[in-house]
């Protein structure tokens, strides 16, 4: 594509299949976020994904597949735990990390001996995978480390001519990336929290599930300490913070040298703040908060907010994933 060009935008999955079949890059909608898809069996196509995102080549990608019958093609060993979780949540916001098969490219895994697999629930993503007839790598369709896109317009604004085609499936229903659970060892470990909670997984498997701490060595997407970040500085408060404490936090930040425009994101409207503080629309309960999180972070930048003070939802269910994303957005290397 020429400099300054915009990608083609369509609602036709057959057009997306054609572009993918020619080795092109297509942004596809999933129930979590929009993914930047390419043929997982073409090294040059996979490398193009890394280039478009500015993503380090040793940071592994998730392979998206049509369904559970693809597991044995991509994984060398599929334990019963994986089959149980896939039976429960595929298609859906759950990624399983397994020992890779010999057909998986090093470019996909960053040279690791594991591969991450997911079957997305969005009808257009599923239509593309069925029509394509193979696996697609599809990390979030944004520049590496930035806020993930949840609409086609976000993708166009973020990647522009770096992507050949954008398949518009409307706003994403879940709004945060899939849960990643490592089943390649003896004990299940949640590497990235998402739409399926650790408690949900424990209920199916009947065993304790560990949750990797932030700062753990990245072996899957989304594990870096600093990630999902807007231009605005993000400051995360306690979920139980009330209006007086929000105002006090803003005052303390200003006294500590923070300047520019302050903004607030919270589950509900925060009363009594100085009129100069920009209040983003309330995010609602945890499920709603997840759905609107990335659009609110993008809005903070659009509205010129320099410091965004955030009251997160309680870290229960998908609220834990929201808090995880906000904590990473707040981290500055």
Protein backbone atom coordinates (compact mmCIF):
# COMPACT_ATOMS: atom_id res chain seq x y z
CA UNK A 1 0.00 0.00 0.00
CA UNK A 2 1.18 3.52 -0.71
CA UNK A 3 2.12 5.96 2.01
CA UNK A 4 -0.95 7.59 3.55
CA UNK A 5 -3.31 4.97 2.13
CA UNK A 6 -6.17 3.59 4.21
CA UNK A 7 -7.02 -0.09 4.36
CA UNK A 8 -10.09 -1.52 2.68
CA UNK A 9 -12.96 -1.96 5.16
CA UNK A 10 -15.61 -4.60 4.53
CA UNK A 11 -18.20 -6.80 6.22
CA UNK A 12 -17.61 -9.67 3.77
CA UNK A 13 -15.72 -12.63 5.32
CA UNK A 14 -15.07 -14.12 1.87
CA UNK A 15 -13.09 -11.02 0.93
CA UNK A 16 -11.06 -11.47 4.12
CA UNK A 17 -10.37 -15.12 3.25
CA UNK A 18 -9.12 -14.09 -0.18
CA UNK A 19 -6.68 -11.53 1.25
CA UNK A 20 -5.41 -13.99 3.86
CA UNK A 21 -4.97 -16.64 1.17
CA UNK A 22 -2.70 -14.28 -0.77
CA UNK A 23 -0.50 -13.76 2.30
CA UNK A 24 -2.04 -10.43 3.33
CA UNK A 25 -2.89 -9.00 6.75
CA UNK A 26 -6.54 -8.73 7.80
CA UNK A 27 -7.93 -7.23 11.00
CA UNK A 28 -10.73 -9.51 12.15
CA UNK A 29 -13.30 -8.95 14.90
CA UNK A 30 -13.45 -11.37 17.80
CA UNK A 31 -15.59 -11.27 20.92
CA UNK A 32 -12.55 -10.00 22.88
CA UNK A 33 -10.68 -7.45 20.70
CA UNK A 34 -9.87 -7.05 17.00
CA UNK A 35 -6.98 -9.26 15.91
CA UNK A 36 -4.38 -8.73 13.19
CA UNK A 37 -4.69 -12.02 11.31
CA UNK A 38 -2.30 -13.79 8.95
CA UNK A 39 -1.70 -17.33 7.73
CA UNK A 40 0.02 -19.15 10.60
CA UNK A 41 1.83 -21.47 8.17
CA UNK A 42 3.55 -18.73 6.12
CA UNK A 43 6.72 -17.41 7.74
CA UNK A 44 6.66 -14.22 5.68
CA UNK A 45 3.05 -13.51 6.65
CA UNK A 46 3.78 -14.07 10.34
CA UNK A 47 6.83 -11.80 10.14
CA UNK A 48 4.64 -9.14 8.50
CA UNK A 49 2.39 -9.18 11.59
CA UNK A 50 5.38 -8.47 13.84
CA UNK A 51 6.51 -5.67 11.53
CA UNK A 52 3.07 -4.05 11.35
CA UNK A 53 2.72 -4.05 15.13
CA UNK A 54 6.34 -3.19 15.96
CA UNK A 55 6.26 -6.30 18.12
CA UNK A 56 9.44 -8.02 19.37
CA UNK A 57 10.01 -11.21 17.38
CA UNK A 58 10.48 -13.31 20.53
CA UNK A 59 6.98 -12.43 21.82
CA UNK A 60 4.76 -15.42 20.93
CA UNK A 61 1.48 -15.25 19.04
CA UNK A 62 -1.83 -17.07 19.52
CA UNK A 63 -2.99 -19.37 16.73
CA UNK A 64 -6.73 -19.04 16.12
CA UNK A 65 -8.53 -22.14 14.89
CA UNK A 66 -12.09 -23.04 13.92
CA UNK A 67 -12.67 -25.59 16.67
CA UNK A 68 -11.51 -28.34 18.99
CA UNK A 69 -10.80 -30.77 16.16
CA UNK A 70 -7.79 -28.59 15.30
CA UNK A 71 -6.05 -29.20 18.64
CA UNK A 72 -4.15 -32.29 17.57
CA UNK A 73 -2.87 -30.58 14.41
CA UNK A 74 -1.16 -27.82 16.36
CA UNK A 75 -0.30 -29.46 19.68
CA UNK A 76 1.95 -32.48 20.24
CA UNK A 77 0.28 -33.36 23.52
CA UNK A 78 -3.31 -32.50 24.43
CA UNK A 79 -4.01 -33.42 28.07
CA UNK A 80 -7.48 -34.14 29.36
CA UNK A 81 -7.50 -30.82 31.18
CA UNK A 82 -7.23 -28.99 27.85
CA UNK A 83 -10.03 -31.01 26.29
CA UNK A 84 -12.26 -30.34 29.30
CA UNK A 85 -11.72 -26.58 29.12
CA UNK A 86 -12.11 -26.48 25.35
CA UNK A 87 -15.35 -28.44 25.58
CA UNK A 88 -16.63 -25.85 28.04
CA UNK A 89 -15.42 -22.58 26.51
CA UNK A 90 -14.70 -23.01 22.80
CA UNK A 91 -15.56 -21.03 20.87
CA UNK A 92 -14.92 -18.32 23.42
CA UNK A 93 -12.43 -16.12 25.31
CA UNK A 94 -10.09 -18.90 26.46
CA UNK A 95 -6.61 -19.67 25.10
CA UNK A 96 -4.79 -22.90 26.02
CA UNK A 97 -1.00 -23.15 26.02
CA UNK A 98 0.21 -26.63 25.02
CA UNK A 99 3.31 -28.40 23.78
CA UNK A 100 3.66 -27.51 20.11
CA UNK A 101 3.56 -29.93 17.22
CA UNK A 102 6.30 -30.06 14.60
CA UNK A 103 4.18 -28.10 12.11
CA UNK A 104 4.20 -24.92 14.23
CA UNK A 105 6.61 -22.25 13.00
CA UNK A 106 9.30 -20.85 15.28
CA UNK A 107 8.13 -17.42 14.12
CA UNK A 108 4.78 -18.09 15.81
CA UNK A 109 6.14 -19.24 19.17
CA UNK A 110 9.22 -17.05 19.46
CA UNK A 111 11.25 -20.28 19.42
CA UNK A 112 9.47 -21.72 22.47
CA UNK A 113 8.33 -25.34 22.67
CA UNK A 114 4.71 -24.36 23.39
CA UNK A 115 1.89 -22.96 21.26
CA UNK A 116 -1.14 -20.92 22.32
CA UNK A 117 -4.46 -21.91 20.72
CA UNK A 118 -7.90 -20.29 20.72
CA UNK A 119 -11.21 -20.57 18.89
CA UNK A 120 -12.94 -17.16 18.83
CA UNK A 121 -16.71 -16.88 19.21
CA UNK A 122 -17.44 -13.93 16.89
CA UNK A 123 -19.53 -15.07 13.91
CA UNK A 124 -17.36 -13.26 11.34
CA UNK A 125 -14.12 -14.56 12.83
CA UNK A 126 -15.58 -18.07 12.77
CA UNK A 127 -16.71 -17.62 9.16
CA UNK A 128 -13.20 -16.53 8.18
CA UNK A 129 -11.58 -19.49 9.92
CA UNK A 130 -14.01 -21.94 8.34
CA UNK A 131 -13.52 -20.40 4.91
CA UNK A 132 -9.76 -20.20 5.25
CA UNK A 133 -9.48 -23.80 6.41
CA UNK A 134 -6.40 -23.34 8.59
CA UNK A 135 -4.88 -21.55 11.54
CA UNK A 136 -4.43 -17.80 11.78
CA UNK A 137 -2.14 -15.87 14.06
CA UNK A 138 -4.12 -12.88 15.31
CA UNK A 139 -2.61 -10.70 18.05
CA UNK A 140 -4.47 -7.50 18.86
CA UNK A 141 -4.60 -5.17 15.86
CA UNK A 142 -2.66 -2.29 17.39
CA UNK A 143 0.89 -1.09 17.75
CA UNK A 144 2.76 -3.15 20.33
CA UNK A 145 2.14 -2.08 23.93
CA UNK A 146 -0.69 0.25 23.00
CA UNK A 147 -4.41 0.09 23.80
CA UNK A 148 -6.14 -2.80 22.05
CA UNK A 149 -8.83 -2.00 19.44
CA UNK A 150 -12.47 -2.92 20.02
CA UNK A 151 -13.94 -1.37 16.85
CA UNK A 152 -12.96 -1.33 13.19
CA UNK A 153 -12.43 2.44 13.43
CA UNK A 154 -9.88 1.84 16.21
CA UNK A 155 -7.92 -0.45 13.89
CA UNK A 156 -7.91 2.06 11.03
CA UNK A 157 -6.79 4.84 13.37
CA UNK A 158 -4.09 2.66 14.95
CA UNK A 159 -2.60 0.75 12.00
CA UNK A 160 -3.78 2.53 8.85
CA UNK A 161 -1.91 1.25 5.81
CA UNK A 162 -0.04 -1.37 7.84
CA UNK A 163 -3.08 -3.65 7.41
CA UNK A 164 -4.47 -4.68 4.01
CA UNK A 165 -8.10 -5.21 5.01
CA UNK A 166 -10.33 -4.54 8.03
CA UNK A 167 -13.33 -6.82 8.54
CA UNK A 168 -15.91 -4.74 10.40
CA UNK A 169 -17.91 -6.82 12.88
CA UNK A 170 -19.06 -3.99 15.14
CA UNK A 171 -17.93 -3.37 18.73
CA UNK A 172 -16.40 -6.30 20.58
CA UNK A 173 -18.72 -7.92 23.12
CA UNK A 174 -16.19 -8.87 25.84
CA UNK A 175 -13.69 -6.03 25.37
CA UNK A 176 -10.53 -7.48 26.96
CA UNK A 177 -8.23 -10.18 25.65
CA UNK A 178 -8.77 -13.90 26.24
CA UNK A 179 -7.68 -15.74 29.35
CA UNK A 180 -4.50 -17.75 28.72
CA UNK A 181 -4.06 -20.93 30.76
CA UNK A 182 -0.82 -22.91 30.60
CA UNK A 183 -1.57 -26.65 30.47
CA UNK A 184 1.86 -27.69 29.22
CA UNK A 185 3.09 -28.66 32.69
CA UNK A 186 1.73 -30.48 35.69
CA UNK A 187 -0.23 -27.61 37.29
CA UNK A 188 -2.62 -25.31 35.38
CA UNK A 189 -1.43 -21.71 35.49
CA UNK A 190 -3.38 -18.67 34.32
CA UNK A 191 -0.80 -16.56 32.49
CA UNK A 192 -3.19 -13.78 31.45
CA UNK A 193 -6.56 -13.06 33.01
CA UNK A 194 -9.53 -12.48 30.76
CA UNK A 195 -13.15 -13.39 30.17
CA UNK A 196 -12.80 -16.77 31.89
CA UNK A 197 -11.71 -16.46 35.52
CA UNK A 198 -9.34 -18.71 37.44
CA UNK A 199 -12.31 -19.71 39.57
CA UNK A 200 -14.25 -20.73 36.47
CA UNK A 201 -11.35 -22.95 35.40
CA UNK A 202 -11.02 -24.48 38.85
CA UNK A 203 -14.72 -25.34 38.83
CA UNK A 204 -14.30 -27.37 35.63
CA UNK A 205 -10.98 -29.04 36.43
CA UNK A 206 -11.57 -29.63 40.13
CA UNK A 207 -8.00 -28.61 40.97
CA UNK A 208 -6.32 -25.46 42.22
CA UNK A 209 -5.27 -23.10 39.44
CA UNK A 210 -2.31 -20.78 39.95
CA UNK A 211 -2.29 -17.21 38.60
CA UNK A 212 1.05 -15.92 37.33
CA UNK A 213 2.24 -12.80 39.11
CA UNK A 214 2.91 -9.62 37.18
CA UNK A 215 6.61 -9.49 36.40
CA UNK A 216 6.81 -13.22 35.68
CA UNK A 217 8.93 -14.19 32.68
CA UNK A 218 6.71 -13.68 29.60
CA UNK A 219 5.90 -17.00 27.90
CA UNK A 220 2.62 -15.85 26.36
CA UNK A 221 1.09 -12.61 25.03
CA UNK A 222 0.07 -9.86 27.43
CA UNK A 223 2.47 -10.75 30.25
CA UNK A 224 4.75 -7.72 30.05
CA UNK A 225 4.59 -5.42 33.07
CA UNK A 226 3.93 -2.39 30.84
CA UNK A 227 1.21 -2.97 28.26
CA UNK A 228 -2.21 -1.75 27.03
CA UNK A 229 -1.09 1.83 27.67
CA UNK A 230 -2.57 5.13 26.42
CA UNK A 231 -0.48 8.29 26.12
CA UNK A 232 -2.08 9.57 29.33
CA UNK A 233 -0.49 8.66 32.62
CA UNK A 234 -2.75 6.15 34.39
CA UNK A 235 -3.05 6.10 38.19
CA UNK A 236 -5.08 3.21 39.64
CA UNK A 237 -6.82 3.62 42.99
CA UNK A 238 -8.41 1.02 45.25
CA UNK A 239 -11.79 -0.37 44.04
CA UNK A 240 -13.40 0.85 47.26
CA UNK A 241 -12.23 4.45 46.82
CA UNK A 242 -15.00 6.99 47.39
CA UNK A 243 -15.49 10.46 45.93
CA UNK A 244 -13.59 12.36 48.67
CA UNK A 245 -10.59 10.04 48.25
CA UNK A 246 -10.64 10.51 44.45
CA UNK A 247 -10.50 14.28 44.91
CA UNK A 248 -7.73 13.89 47.49
CA UNK A 249 -5.73 11.66 45.12
CA UNK A 250 -5.94 14.25 42.36
CA UNK A 251 -4.83 16.96 44.79
CA UNK A 252 -1.89 14.86 45.93
CA UNK A 253 -0.83 14.21 42.35
CA UNK A 254 -0.99 17.93 41.56
CA UNK A 255 0.98 18.79 44.70
CA UNK A 256 3.53 16.13 43.72
CA UNK A 257 4.25 17.84 40.42
CA UNK A 258 1.72 16.26 38.05
CA UNK A 259 0.35 18.95 35.75
CA UNK A 260 -1.89 19.28 32.74
CA UNK A 261 -5.45 17.97 32.48
CA UNK A 262 -6.75 15.43 34.99
CA UNK A 263 -9.40 12.88 34.11
CA UNK A 264 -11.37 10.28 36.05
CA UNK A 265 -12.70 6.86 35.07
CA UNK A 266 -14.86 5.04 37.61
CA UNK A 267 -17.78 2.60 37.78
CA UNK A 268 -20.11 5.46 38.74
CA UNK A 269 -20.12 9.25 38.47
CA UNK A 270 -17.84 10.83 41.08
CA UNK A 271 -19.57 13.77 42.74
CA UNK A 272 -17.91 16.92 43.99
CA UNK A 273 -14.84 17.07 41.75
CA UNK A 274 -13.37 20.32 40.51
CA UNK A 275 -15.02 21.35 37.19
CA UNK A 276 -11.61 21.26 35.50
CA UNK A 277 -11.44 17.47 35.97
CA UNK A 278 -12.69 15.57 32.91
CA UNK A 279 -15.03 12.79 33.96
CA UNK A 280 -15.31 10.00 31.39
CA UNK A 281 -18.69 8.29 31.20
CA UNK A 282 -19.13 5.81 34.07
CA UNK A 283 -17.89 2.33 33.20
CA UNK A 284 -20.57 0.43 35.12
CA UNK A 285 -20.26 -3.06 36.58
CA UNK A 286 -17.31 -5.36 35.86
CA UNK A 287 -18.77 -6.82 32.65
CA UNK A 288 -19.62 -3.38 31.29
CA UNK A 289 -16.27 -2.01 32.50
CA UNK A 290 -14.41 -4.65 30.47
CA UNK A 291 -16.46 -3.87 27.39
CA UNK A 292 -15.76 -0.12 27.47
CA UNK A 293 -12.28 -0.09 29.05
CA UNK A 294 -10.17 0.34 25.93
CA UNK A 295 -12.54 2.83 24.32
CA UNK A 296 -12.36 4.95 27.49
CA UNK A 297 -8.54 4.82 27.50
CA UNK A 298 -8.53 5.93 23.85
CA UNK A 299 -11.00 8.68 24.70
CA UNK A 300 -8.66 9.94 27.40
CA UNK A 301 -6.02 10.57 24.75
CA UNK A 302 -8.52 12.09 22.31
CA UNK A 303 -9.71 14.54 24.98
CA UNK A 304 -6.17 15.57 25.87
CA UNK A 305 -6.13 14.11 29.37
CA UNK A 306 -2.60 14.03 30.77
CA UNK A 307 -3.28 12.04 33.95
CA UNK A 308 -6.18 9.61 34.21
CA UNK A 309 -7.18 8.61 37.75
CA UNK A 310 -9.02 5.30 37.71
CA UNK A 311 -11.28 3.55 40.20
CA UNK A 312 -11.35 -0.08 38.98
CA UNK A 313 -14.09 -2.64 39.54
CA UNK A 314 -13.69 -5.19 42.30
CA UNK A 315 -11.24 -7.92 41.18
CA UNK A 316 -13.89 -10.61 40.92
CA UNK A 317 -14.67 -12.53 37.73
CA UNK A 318 -13.79 -10.42 34.70
CA UNK A 319 -13.10 -7.54 37.09
CA UNK A 320 -9.75 -9.21 37.80
CA UNK A 321 -8.88 -8.93 34.09
CA UNK A 322 -9.87 -5.25 34.05
CA UNK A 323 -7.66 -4.53 37.05
CA UNK A 324 -4.81 -6.46 35.41
CA UNK A 325 -5.04 -4.34 32.24
CA UNK A 326 -5.23 -1.10 34.20
CA UNK A 327 -2.23 -2.06 36.35
CA UNK A 328 -0.18 -2.76 33.23
CA UNK A 329 -1.37 0.47 31.61
CA UNK A 330 -0.23 2.35 34.71
CA UNK A 331 3.24 0.78 34.70
CA UNK A 332 5.98 2.83 33.09
CA UNK A 333 9.27 1.03 32.30
